Amino acid sequence: MGLNLRSPLVVSANPLSQKIDNIVAMEDAGAGAVVLFSLFEEQIRAESANFERVYKTASSAFAESSDFFPDLDEYPIGTAGYLELIREAKSRVDIPIIASLNGITPEGWIEYARDVEHAGADALEINVYFIPADIRLTSDDVEQRYIDIVEMVRAAVDIPVAVKLNPYFSSVANMAQRFAETGADGLVFFNRFYQPDFDINELAVVPNLNLSVPAEIRLPLLWIAVLYGRIGASLAATTGVHGARELIKYILAGADVGMVASSILKHGIPWIKEIITDLELYMLDQQFPSIDAFKGLMSQIHVPDPTAYERSNYIQIIENKDWR
């Protein structure tokens, strides 16, 4: 996105970035940039007297979305604290600080995007958390909602803007291209939507969010490999990076950066250094002088057999697998 990064490992939005000392520790461990935890518009509106009016208006238009948002009590920092965190982080670290915004109204997307830019954020990640559960919504309606949001934010700020995609569009490649054409400087693959669980004894819907696992890299790996060299936006992978192995695979597919959250929540912030060290050892072993030397080598446009990413390869797997 035009940012100068010291490493291809970026910390994605997670609760650890609520504390400035953690952000400093992430830089010390070798992170290339830090995406702050998401700022939710509902939380901001809750601080003002007009919250009920705004929330009811939004929920009337998109009633299906309100039941799927995380508990706002889990995000104790409001807009003033968030903006102050950006300012303090910019005064304490040299790596880029990327804000993450999750809005529900046009006014919210525009206003808070401008706020984080004025506070000094180096870039903004648009985190559209929208589950189209209304059966009246068409695929065109859903896609246009995303495009409208990107268009609004892009027009409101001058800093680079990244879009965190979901993997459920009918045509991921087409949406990626449309986002780039609308002005997105970067695309993040993929958003992990909250999926509720059931308590079968209490007969209640249980909020639950599991940490990612390395096996989850397969889907974003596919789309990054397919899109590399074909669209005018930076590509980031934000699922399943638990070690250098996953990060290396993403770079080989064509990702500019791999993003980490679950593994540092599990192992601690110093785990970043372990990943970077193992990446450097791999590059030394393979005699790659830089990240660019092997970025995209396994993308669809560079592999000897591009059909390996398409239907024919699936047929080969079925035919060659010994199922006995």
Protein backbone atom coordinates (compact mmCIF):
# COMPACT_ATOMS: atom_id res chain seq x y z
CA MET A 1 0.00 0.00 0.00
CA GLY A 2 3.03 2.26 -0.30
CA LEU A 3 4.10 1.70 3.30
CA ASN A 4 7.75 1.01 4.08
CA LEU A 5 7.83 -2.18 6.18
CA ARG A 6 10.83 -3.66 7.96
CA SER A 7 9.41 -7.18 7.66
CA PRO A 8 6.53 -8.94 5.88
CA LEU A 9 4.90 -9.95 9.18
CA VAL A 10 2.14 -7.59 10.30
CA VAL A 11 0.16 -7.87 13.52
CA SER A 12 -3.54 -7.99 12.65
CA ALA A 13 -6.33 -6.53 14.75
CA ASN A 14 -6.49 -8.18 18.18
CA PRO A 15 -7.01 -7.19 21.85
CA LEU A 16 -3.27 -7.03 22.60
CA SER A 17 -2.98 -3.75 20.68
CA GLN A 18 -5.15 -1.98 23.24
CA LYS A 19 -1.99 -1.35 25.29
CA ILE A 20 0.83 0.86 24.08
CA ASP A 21 3.49 -1.28 25.77
CA ASN A 22 2.32 -4.26 23.71
CA ILE A 23 2.65 -2.26 20.51
CA VAL A 24 6.20 -1.32 21.47
CA ALA A 25 6.95 -4.98 22.20
CA MET A 26 5.55 -5.95 18.77
CA GLU A 27 7.95 -3.55 17.10
CA ASP A 28 10.86 -4.85 19.19
CA ALA A 29 10.00 -8.42 18.18
CA GLY A 30 10.20 -7.54 14.48
CA ALA A 31 6.66 -6.77 13.34
CA GLY A 32 6.51 -4.76 10.12
CA ALA A 33 3.35 -2.90 11.16
CA VAL A 34 0.51 -3.13 13.65
CA VAL A 35 -3.20 -3.06 12.87
CA LEU A 36 -5.01 -1.78 15.94
CA PHE A 37 -8.07 -3.56 17.29
CA SER A 38 -11.25 -2.58 15.47
CA LEU A 39 -13.13 0.55 16.47
CA PHE A 40 -16.84 -0.27 16.47
CA GLU A 41 -19.25 2.52 15.65
CA GLU A 42 -21.87 1.11 18.02
CA GLN A 43 -19.47 1.54 20.91
CA ILE A 44 -18.76 5.12 19.97
CA ARG A 45 -22.45 5.93 19.62
CA ALA A 46 -23.09 4.39 23.03
CA GLU A 47 -21.08 7.24 24.52
CA SER A 48 -23.47 9.86 23.19
CA ALA A 49 -27.11 10.72 23.78
CA ASN A 50 -28.13 10.02 20.20
CA PHE A 51 -26.99 6.37 20.24
CA GLU A 52 -30.53 4.97 20.44
CA ARG A 53 -31.71 6.98 17.44
CA VAL A 54 -28.73 6.03 15.26
CA TYR A 55 -28.73 2.39 16.31
CA LYS A 56 -32.46 1.95 15.72
CA THR A 57 -32.16 3.56 12.31
CA ALA A 58 -29.32 1.25 11.34
CA SER A 59 -30.93 -1.87 12.75
CA SER A 60 -34.19 -1.12 10.96
CA ALA A 61 -32.35 -1.11 7.65
CA PHE A 62 -30.14 -4.06 8.49
CA ALA A 63 -31.93 -5.82 11.31
CA GLU A 64 -30.16 -9.09 10.70
CA SER A 65 -26.77 -7.64 11.60
CA SER A 66 -27.41 -6.56 15.19
CA ASP A 67 -27.47 -10.03 16.70
CA PHE A 68 -24.08 -10.92 15.30
CA PHE A 69 -21.88 -8.20 16.76
CA PRO A 70 -19.53 -9.03 19.64
CA ASP A 71 -20.44 -7.78 23.11
CA LEU A 72 -19.51 -4.10 23.19
CA ASP A 73 -18.32 -4.44 26.80
CA GLU A 74 -15.35 -6.38 25.43
CA TYR A 75 -14.12 -3.23 23.71
CA PRO A 76 -13.65 -0.68 26.50
CA ILE A 77 -11.80 2.01 24.56
CA GLY A 78 -14.04 4.61 22.91
CA THR A 79 -13.18 7.06 20.16
CA ALA A 80 -11.17 9.44 22.37
CA GLY A 81 -9.09 6.61 23.79
CA TYR A 82 -8.62 5.05 20.36
CA LEU A 83 -7.40 8.28 18.82
CA GLU A 84 -5.09 8.90 21.76
CA LEU A 85 -3.69 5.38 21.37
CA ILE A 86 -2.86 6.17 17.73
CA ARG A 87 -1.10 9.39 18.73
CA GLU A 88 0.88 7.73 21.51
CA ALA A 89 1.82 4.78 19.32
CA LYS A 90 3.09 7.13 16.62
CA SER A 91 5.26 8.86 19.22
CA ARG A 92 6.65 5.58 20.61
CA VAL A 93 7.27 3.38 17.56
CA ASP A 94 8.63 3.80 14.05
CA ILE A 95 6.61 1.07 12.32
CA PRO A 96 3.33 1.98 10.58
CA ILE A 97 0.20 2.06 12.74
CA ILE A 98 -2.92 0.99 10.87
CA ALA A 99 -6.35 1.79 12.26
CA SER A 100 -9.24 -0.64 11.84
CA LEU A 101 -12.78 0.67 11.52
CA ASN A 102 -16.07 -1.22 11.71
CA GLY A 103 -18.96 1.12 10.93
CA ILE A 104 -22.72 0.77 10.53
CA THR A 105 -23.80 4.11 9.06
CA PRO A 106 -22.44 6.25 6.20
CA GLU A 107 -21.83 9.09 8.65
CA GLY A 108 -19.88 6.79 10.93
CA TRP A 109 -17.62 5.42 8.23
CA ILE A 110 -16.76 8.91 7.01
CA GLU A 111 -16.45 10.68 10.36
CA TYR A 112 -14.30 8.10 12.12
CA ALA A 113 -12.15 7.45 9.07
CA ARG A 114 -11.26 11.14 9.08
CA ASP A 115 -10.69 11.06 12.84
CA VAL A 116 -8.11 8.27 12.68
CA GLU A 117 -6.35 9.96 9.79
CA HIS A 118 -6.10 13.23 11.72
CA ALA A 119 -4.81 11.31 14.75
CA GLY A 120 -1.86 10.14 12.65
CA ALA A 121 -2.73 6.62 11.48
CA ASP A 122 -0.55 5.58 8.56
CA ALA A 123 -3.36 3.61 6.92
CA LEU A 124 -6.90 2.39 7.55
CA GLU A 125 -8.33 -1.11 7.34
CA ILE A 126 -12.03 -1.26 6.50
CA ASN A 127 -13.48 -4.15 8.48
CA VAL A 128 -16.99 -4.66 7.09
CA TYR A 129 -18.76 -7.00 9.48
CA PHE A 130 -22.00 -7.74 7.70
CA ILE A 131 -23.90 -11.02 7.57
CA PRO A 132 -26.63 -10.80 4.89
CA ALA A 133 -29.20 -12.90 6.71
CA ASP A 134 -32.16 -10.96 5.27
CA ILE A 135 -33.60 -13.24 2.56
CA ARG A 136 -34.77 -10.17 0.62
CA LEU A 137 -31.20 -9.06 -0.05
CA THR A 138 -29.78 -10.04 -3.42
CA SER A 139 -26.13 -10.68 -4.17
CA ASP A 140 -26.06 -7.36 -6.05
CA ASP A 141 -27.37 -5.58 -2.92
CA VAL A 142 -24.67 -7.11 -0.75
CA GLU A 143 -21.84 -6.40 -3.17
CA GLN A 144 -22.98 -2.81 -3.74
CA ARG A 145 -23.05 -2.19 0.01
CA TYR A 146 -19.36 -3.11 0.23
CA ILE A 147 -18.47 -1.01 -2.80
CA ASP A 148 -20.36 1.99 -1.43
CA ILE A 149 -18.49 1.79 1.86
CA VAL A 150 -15.10 1.64 0.15
CA GLU A 151 -16.06 4.52 -2.11
CA MET A 152 -17.17 6.67 0.85
CA VAL A 153 -14.05 6.03 2.90
CA ARG A 154 -11.70 6.45 -0.07
CA ALA A 155 -13.22 9.85 -0.80
CA ALA A 156 -12.97 10.90 2.85
CA VAL A 157 -9.27 10.23 3.55
CA ASP A 158 -5.89 10.49 1.85
CA ILE A 159 -4.10 7.70 3.74
CA PRO A 160 -3.92 4.20 2.19
CA VAL A 161 -7.08 2.14 2.61
CA ALA A 162 -7.24 -1.65 2.86
CA VAL A 163 -10.40 -3.75 2.63
CA LYS A 164 -10.80 -6.89 4.71
CA LEU A 165 -12.72 -9.23 2.43
CA ASN A 166 -14.92 -12.16 3.31
CA PRO A 167 -14.66 -15.42 1.30
CA TYR A 168 -18.39 -15.70 0.57
CA PHE A 169 -18.80 -13.54 -2.51
CA SER A 170 -20.04 -15.41 -5.57
CA SER A 171 -16.96 -14.15 -7.43
CA VAL A 172 -14.11 -13.27 -5.09
CA ALA A 173 -11.84 -12.33 -7.98
CA ASN A 174 -14.36 -9.93 -9.47
CA MET A 175 -15.00 -8.26 -6.11
CA ALA A 176 -11.27 -7.91 -5.54
CA GLN A 177 -10.95 -6.17 -8.89
CA ARG A 178 -13.92 -3.90 -8.16
CA PHE A 179 -12.45 -2.92 -4.78
CA ALA A 180 -9.15 -2.05 -6.44
CA GLU A 181 -10.95 -0.01 -9.11
CA THR A 182 -12.94 1.80 -6.39
CA GLY A 183 -9.69 2.91 -4.78
CA ALA A 184 -8.67 0.24 -2.28
CA ASP A 185 -4.88 0.25 -1.90
CA GLY A 186 -4.81 -3.18 -0.27
CA LEU A 187 -6.93 -6.31 0.13
CA VAL A 188 -6.87 -8.55 3.20
CA PHE A 189 -7.83 -12.22 2.84
CA PHE A 190 -10.03 -13.10 4.76
CA ASN A 191 -12.29 -11.83 7.51
CA ARG A 192 -13.25 -14.58 10.00
CA PHE A 193 -16.91 -13.96 10.78
CA TYR A 194 -18.26 -14.79 14.18
CA GLN A 195 -20.26 -18.00 13.94
CA PRO A 196 -22.49 -18.70 16.96
CA ASP A 197 -22.58 -22.02 18.76
CA PHE A 198 -25.43 -23.68 20.70
CA ASP A 199 -25.58 -24.68 24.33
CA ILE A 200 -27.74 -27.80 23.98
CA ASN A 201 -28.49 -27.96 27.71
CA GLU A 202 -29.42 -24.32 28.29
CA LEU A 203 -30.89 -24.01 24.77
CA ALA A 204 -29.05 -20.76 24.26
CA VAL A 205 -26.94 -19.22 21.51
CA VAL A 206 -23.37 -19.06 22.80
CA PRO A 207 -20.89 -16.43 21.59
CA ASN A 208 -17.70 -18.21 20.69
CA LEU A 209 -14.66 -17.32 18.61
CA ASN A 210 -11.95 -19.94 18.11
CA LEU A 211 -8.37 -19.08 17.30
CA SER A 212 -7.26 -19.87 13.76
CA VAL A 213 -5.26 -22.99 12.87
CA PRO A 214 -2.58 -23.40 10.15
CA ALA A 215 -4.90 -25.49 7.96
CA GLU A 216 -7.03 -22.38 7.40
CA ILE A 217 -4.44 -20.88 5.06
CA ARG A 218 -5.70 -22.96 2.13
CA LEU A 219 -8.54 -20.68 1.03
CA PRO A 220 -6.68 -17.33 1.19
CA LEU A 221 -3.63 -19.07 -0.32
CA LEU A 222 -5.74 -20.01 -3.34
CA TRP A 223 -7.13 -16.55 -3.97
CA ILE A 224 -3.87 -14.69 -3.38
CA ALA A 225 -2.12 -17.04 -5.82
CA VAL A 226 -4.87 -16.48 -8.39
CA LEU A 227 -4.97 -12.69 -8.01
CA TYR A 228 -1.24 -11.98 -7.78
CA GLY A 229 -0.11 -9.84 -10.72
CA ARG A 230 -3.68 -9.33 -11.93
CA ILE A 231 -5.04 -6.48 -9.81
CA GLY A 232 -3.66 -3.13 -8.78
CA ALA A 233 -3.74 -3.55 -5.00
CA SER A 234 -1.44 -4.95 -2.34
CA LEU A 235 -2.36 -8.41 -1.07
CA ALA A 236 -2.33 -9.40 2.59
CA ALA A 237 -3.10 -12.75 4.22
CA THR A 238 -4.59 -12.76 7.69
CA THR A 239 -5.56 -16.34 8.49
CA GLY A 240 -3.59 -19.23 9.96
CA VAL A 241 -0.07 -17.76 10.28
CA HIS A 242 1.28 -19.70 13.26
CA GLY A 243 4.87 -19.97 12.09
CA ALA A 244 7.28 -19.14 9.28
CA ARG A 245 5.97 -22.04 7.18
CA GLU A 246 2.57 -20.39 6.67
CA LEU A 247 4.12 -16.97 6.13
CA ILE A 248 6.49 -18.37 3.49
CA LYS A 249 3.63 -20.09 1.65
CA TYR A 250 1.66 -16.84 1.56
CA ILE A 251 4.64 -14.93 0.16
CA LEU A 252 5.22 -17.63 -2.46
CA ALA A 253 1.57 -17.23 -3.47
CA GLY A 254 2.08 -13.49 -3.90
CA ALA A 255 1.16 -11.87 -0.59
CA ASP A 256 3.00 -8.68 0.31
CA VAL A 257 2.50 -9.48 3.99
CA GLY A 258 1.23 -12.20 6.27
CA MET A 259 -0.75 -11.09 9.30
CA VAL A 260 -0.60 -12.71 12.71
CA ALA A 261 -2.92 -12.64 15.73
CA SER A 262 -3.96 -16.07 17.00
CA SER A 263 -0.39 -17.33 17.39
CA ILE A 264 0.73 -14.39 19.52
CA LEU A 265 -2.43 -14.65 21.60
CA LYS A 266 -1.41 -18.26 22.19
CA HIS A 267 2.39 -17.97 22.47
CA GLY A 268 2.94 -14.32 23.37
CA ILE A 269 4.31 -11.33 21.48
CA PRO A 270 7.93 -12.67 21.40
CA TRP A 271 6.65 -15.38 19.02
CA ILE A 272 6.91 -12.75 16.28
CA LYS A 273 10.69 -12.90 16.55
CA GLU A 274 10.62 -16.70 16.22
CA ILE A 275 8.66 -16.45 12.97
CA ILE A 276 10.97 -13.77 11.54
CA THR A 277 14.09 -15.75 12.50
CA ASP A 278 12.78 -18.91 10.82
CA LEU A 279 11.87 -16.88 7.72
CA GLU A 280 15.41 -15.53 7.53
CA LEU A 281 16.85 -19.05 7.88
CA TYR A 282 14.63 -20.24 5.03
CA MET A 283 15.78 -17.39 2.80
CA LEU A 284 19.40 -18.14 3.63
CA ASP A 285 18.93 -21.84 2.90
CA GLN A 286 17.15 -21.13 -0.42
CA GLN A 287 19.59 -18.32 -1.29
CA PHE A 288 16.84 -15.73 -1.64
CA PRO A 289 18.44 -12.28 -1.16
CA SER A 290 15.12 -10.55 -0.51
CA ILE A 291 11.38 -11.09 -0.09
CA ASP A 292 10.82 -9.90 -3.65
CA ALA A 293 13.11 -12.68 -4.90
CA PHE A 294 10.51 -15.32 -4.07
CA LYS A 295 7.24 -13.41 -3.78
CA GLY A 296 4.70 -14.82 -6.20
CA LEU A 297 6.88 -17.69 -7.43
CA MET A 298 4.03 -20.11 -6.78
CA SER A 299 1.26 -17.82 -8.05
CA GLN A 300 -0.94 -18.95 -10.90
CA ILE A 301 0.77 -16.73 -13.43
CA HIS A 302 4.21 -18.15 -12.60
CA VAL A 303 3.75 -21.87 -11.99
CA PRO A 304 4.47 -24.19 -14.95
CA ASP A 305 0.96 -25.64 -14.78
CA PRO A 306 -1.63 -22.89 -14.07
CA THR A 307 -4.43 -25.48 -14.11
CA ALA A 308 -3.12 -26.68 -10.75
CA TYR A 309 -5.39 -24.01 -9.27
CA GLU A 310 -8.44 -25.00 -11.27
CA ARG A 311 -10.89 -27.85 -11.87
CA SER A 312 -8.53 -30.21 -13.70
CA ASN A 313 -6.32 -30.48 -10.63
CA TYR A 314 -9.35 -31.45 -8.52
CA ILE A 315 -10.13 -34.23 -10.98
CA GLN A 316 -6.52 -35.48 -10.77
CA ILE A 317 -6.74 -35.60 -6.97
CA ILE A 318 -9.91 -37.68 -7.08
CA GLU A 319 -8.52 -40.05 -9.72
CA ASN A 320 -5.08 -40.53 -8.16
CA LYS A 321 -6.07 -40.83 -4.50
CA ASP A 322 -5.90 -44.36 -3.11
CA TRP A 323 -9.10 -44.51 -1.06
CA ARG A 324 -8.58 -48.07 0.17
